[in-house]
């Protein structure tokens, strides 16, 4: 076990130290967006993101949507909004629009984010094992020091966040949780 992982309180696993397991993930193509939205609505019926918003976000940053493919379509999705400093400020102030984020709050493809907002995490069956691949992706290309933020919208989501190391934080957004990344310049952790 890595020394950093040993610092985690009992019963909680640091998402950054998950062992590789489960099917691979890939960035979604624009052609995948419609089926991903249908998949998300199946698992998160209250999801209110329209196709135009999702396509605009994908155009701004093509790494926002990670997909786990199954034999008959998606079996997993991670929608991760890569926030710039303006986006992080808006999030913490309670001024962030969750259903239709402002594009100027998001980093363009290839730019290191100030924070990562876990917009949606939907997994079926064996796709749950892909969480390690999602976290491996989140440790690359300047993303390794960006804290993760989210708001639980289901009981299962809150349980996952609690056991995954997220904590509620006091800020302008009352239901916001944060997962603090281990800040490091160590290439072995970022890889």
Protein backbone atom coordinates (compact mmCIF):
# COMPACT_ATOMS: atom_id res chain seq x y z
CA UNK A 1 0.00 0.00 0.00
CA UNK A 2 1.26 3.47 -0.84
CA UNK A 3 1.98 5.66 2.19
CA UNK A 4 -0.58 8.22 0.95
CA UNK A 5 -3.29 5.55 0.94
CA UNK A 6 -2.49 4.61 4.54
CA UNK A 7 -3.36 8.16 5.63
CA UNK A 8 -7.02 7.63 4.69
CA UNK A 9 -9.38 7.12 7.59
CA UNK A 10 -10.58 3.57 8.23
CA UNK A 11 -13.38 2.41 5.96
CA UNK A 12 -12.67 4.96 3.21
CA UNK A 13 -10.77 4.26 0.02
CA UNK A 14 -8.92 7.04 -1.71
CA UNK A 15 -10.16 7.07 -5.28
CA UNK A 16 -6.72 8.10 -6.52
CA UNK A 17 -5.25 4.81 -5.32
CA UNK A 18 -7.70 2.28 -6.75
CA UNK A 19 -6.04 -0.71 -8.36
CA UNK A 20 -6.75 -1.15 -12.08
CA UNK A 21 -9.90 -3.20 -12.56
CA UNK A 22 -12.86 -3.34 -14.93
CA UNK A 23 -13.43 -2.45 -18.55
CA UNK A 24 -11.56 0.45 -20.17
CA UNK A 25 -13.00 3.90 -20.74
CA UNK A 26 -12.64 6.15 -23.76
CA UNK A 27 -13.50 9.77 -24.48
CA UNK A 28 -16.89 9.96 -26.15
CA UNK A 29 -17.22 11.18 -29.73
CA UNK A 30 -19.85 13.76 -30.69
CA UNK A 31 -21.81 10.89 -32.28
CA UNK A 32 -22.02 9.18 -28.85
CA UNK A 33 -23.65 12.10 -27.03
CA UNK A 34 -27.30 11.33 -27.84
CA UNK A 35 -27.03 7.70 -26.69
CA UNK A 36 -25.15 8.82 -23.56
CA UNK A 37 -27.93 11.24 -22.65
CA UNK A 38 -30.53 8.49 -23.08
CA UNK A 39 -28.39 6.16 -20.94
CA UNK A 40 -28.05 8.84 -18.26
CA UNK A 41 -31.82 9.54 -18.18
CA UNK A 42 -32.42 5.80 -17.72
CA UNK A 43 -30.29 5.76 -14.55
CA UNK A 44 -30.83 9.37 -13.40
CA UNK A 45 -34.42 10.24 -14.38
CA UNK A 46 -34.13 13.78 -12.99
CA UNK A 47 -31.27 14.60 -15.36
CA UNK A 48 -32.24 17.72 -17.30
CA UNK A 49 -29.39 18.21 -19.77
CA UNK A 50 -30.39 18.72 -23.39
CA UNK A 51 -28.51 17.56 -26.48
CA UNK A 52 -27.49 21.10 -27.52
CA UNK A 53 -25.89 21.78 -24.13
CA UNK A 54 -24.06 18.46 -24.11
CA UNK A 55 -22.77 18.96 -27.67
CA UNK A 56 -21.60 22.51 -26.87
CA UNK A 57 -19.73 21.27 -23.81
CA UNK A 58 -18.21 18.42 -25.83
CA UNK A 59 -17.11 20.89 -28.50
CA UNK A 60 -15.44 23.06 -25.83
CA UNK A 61 -13.69 20.07 -24.23
CA UNK A 62 -13.80 16.71 -25.98
CA UNK A 63 -12.62 14.96 -22.80
CA UNK A 64 -15.73 15.82 -20.77
CA UNK A 65 -17.59 12.56 -21.41
CA UNK A 66 -15.92 9.22 -20.74
CA UNK A 67 -17.76 6.14 -21.90
CA UNK A 68 -17.63 2.46 -21.00
CA UNK A 69 -18.79 0.48 -24.00
CA UNK A 70 -20.90 -2.64 -23.74
CA UNK A 71 -21.90 -5.05 -26.51
CA UNK A 72 -25.18 -3.20 -27.13
CA UNK A 73 -24.33 0.38 -26.18
CA UNK A 74 -22.96 2.28 -23.21
CA UNK A 75 -22.82 0.55 -19.83
CA UNK A 76 -21.03 3.38 -18.07
CA UNK A 77 -20.56 7.13 -18.28
CA UNK A 78 -18.53 9.69 -16.42
CA UNK A 79 -19.38 13.29 -17.29
CA UNK A 80 -16.61 15.41 -15.82
CA UNK A 81 -16.73 19.17 -16.24
CA UNK A 82 -13.19 20.52 -16.32
CA UNK A 83 -13.54 23.91 -14.64
CA UNK A 84 -11.26 26.88 -15.07
CA UNK A 85 -10.73 29.34 -12.21
CA UNK A 86 -13.90 31.32 -13.15
CA UNK A 87 -15.91 28.09 -13.12
CA UNK A 88 -14.51 27.06 -9.74
CA UNK A 89 -15.25 30.51 -8.30
CA UNK A 90 -18.84 30.32 -9.59
CA UNK A 91 -19.24 26.81 -8.19
CA UNK A 92 -18.04 27.79 -4.73
CA UNK A 93 -20.13 30.98 -4.74
CA UNK A 94 -23.31 29.08 -5.60
CA UNK A 95 -23.56 30.78 -9.01
CA UNK A 96 -22.85 27.75 -11.21
CA UNK A 97 -25.60 26.62 -13.59
CA UNK A 98 -25.58 22.80 -13.35
CA UNK A 99 -27.99 21.99 -16.18
CA UNK A 100 -26.52 24.50 -18.64
CA UNK A 101 -22.98 25.39 -17.57
CA UNK A 102 -21.49 28.53 -19.11
CA UNK A 103 -18.83 27.55 -21.62
CA UNK A 104 -16.48 30.24 -20.32
CA UNK A 105 -16.45 28.34 -16.99
CA UNK A 106 -14.94 25.28 -18.69
CA UNK A 107 -11.41 24.67 -19.87
CA UNK A 108 -10.84 23.99 -23.54
CA UNK A 109 -9.47 20.58 -24.53
CA UNK A 110 -5.85 20.21 -23.47
CA UNK A 111 -5.86 22.93 -20.80
CA UNK A 112 -5.27 21.94 -17.17
CA UNK A 113 -8.38 22.51 -15.02
CA UNK A 114 -8.61 24.35 -11.71
CA UNK A 115 -11.15 21.73 -10.55
CA UNK A 116 -13.18 18.81 -11.86
CA UNK A 117 -16.93 18.77 -11.30
CA UNK A 118 -18.35 15.23 -11.41
CA UNK A 119 -21.48 16.09 -13.37
CA UNK A 120 -22.72 12.52 -13.72
CA UNK A 121 -21.40 9.08 -12.90
CA UNK A 122 -23.64 6.30 -14.19
CA UNK A 123 -22.56 2.66 -14.18
CA UNK A 124 -24.31 -0.64 -14.82
CA UNK A 125 -23.00 -4.06 -13.83
CA UNK A 126 -19.33 -4.63 -14.57
CA UNK A 127 -18.86 -0.99 -15.62
CA UNK A 128 -18.55 -0.11 -11.91
CA UNK A 129 -15.06 -1.58 -12.06
CA UNK A 130 -14.14 1.14 -14.56
CA UNK A 131 -13.95 3.71 -11.78
CA UNK A 132 -10.22 2.96 -11.51
CA UNK A 133 -9.79 3.75 -15.23
CA UNK A 134 -11.74 7.00 -14.78
CA UNK A 135 -9.50 8.00 -11.88
CA UNK A 136 -6.39 7.04 -13.89
CA UNK A 137 -7.63 9.41 -16.62
CA UNK A 138 -8.18 12.11 -13.98
CA UNK A 139 -4.50 11.85 -12.96
CA UNK A 140 -3.14 12.70 -16.43
CA UNK A 141 -2.42 15.81 -18.50
CA UNK A 142 -2.52 18.42 -15.76
CA UNK A 143 -5.61 17.03 -14.02
CA UNK A 144 -3.77 15.24 -11.19
CA UNK A 145 -3.92 18.18 -8.73
CA UNK A 146 -7.48 19.31 -9.46
CA UNK A 147 -9.86 18.62 -6.58
CA UNK A 148 -13.12 16.89 -7.49
CA UNK A 149 -16.50 18.39 -6.61
CA UNK A 150 -20.01 16.99 -6.88
CA UNK A 151 -23.53 17.11 -5.51
CA UNK A 152 -25.20 13.81 -4.62
CA UNK A 153 -28.56 13.41 -6.37
CA UNK A 154 -29.33 9.85 -5.26
CA UNK A 155 -28.93 7.86 -2.05
CA UNK A 156 -26.44 5.60 -3.83
CA UNK A 157 -24.51 8.66 -5.02
CA UNK A 158 -24.24 10.04 -1.50
CA UNK A 159 -23.12 6.65 -0.18
CA UNK A 160 -20.48 6.42 -2.93
CA UNK A 161 -19.21 9.92 -2.20
CA UNK A 162 -19.07 9.35 1.54
CA UNK A 163 -17.14 6.07 1.18
CA UNK A 164 -14.98 7.42 -1.65
CA UNK A 165 -13.53 10.23 0.44
CA UNK A 166 -15.76 13.18 -0.54
CA UNK A 167 -16.84 15.54 2.25
CA UNK A 168 -19.55 18.22 2.37
CA UNK A 169 -18.02 21.69 2.33
CA UNK A 170 -19.26 25.05 3.56
CA UNK A 171 -19.58 27.46 0.65
CA UNK A 172 -22.21 29.35 -1.37
CA UNK A 173 -23.53 26.04 -2.80
CA UNK A 174 -25.11 24.28 0.21
CA UNK A 175 -25.06 20.70 -1.12
CA UNK A 176 -21.52 20.69 -2.56
CA UNK A 177 -19.03 17.95 -1.67
CA UNK A 178 -15.27 17.92 -2.34
CA UNK A 179 -12.71 15.17 -2.83
CA UNK A 180 -9.29 16.63 -2.08
CA UNK A 181 -6.61 15.35 -4.38
CA UNK A 182 -3.16 14.61 -3.04
CA UNK A 183 -1.20 17.59 -4.34
CA UNK A 184 2.02 16.27 -5.74
CA UNK A 185 4.56 16.82 -8.48
CA UNK A 186 5.60 13.17 -8.18
CA UNK A 187 5.37 11.63 -11.67
CA UNK A 188 4.69 8.18 -10.21
CA UNK A 189 1.45 9.42 -8.66
CA UNK A 190 0.43 11.43 -11.72
CA UNK A 191 0.98 8.52 -14.09
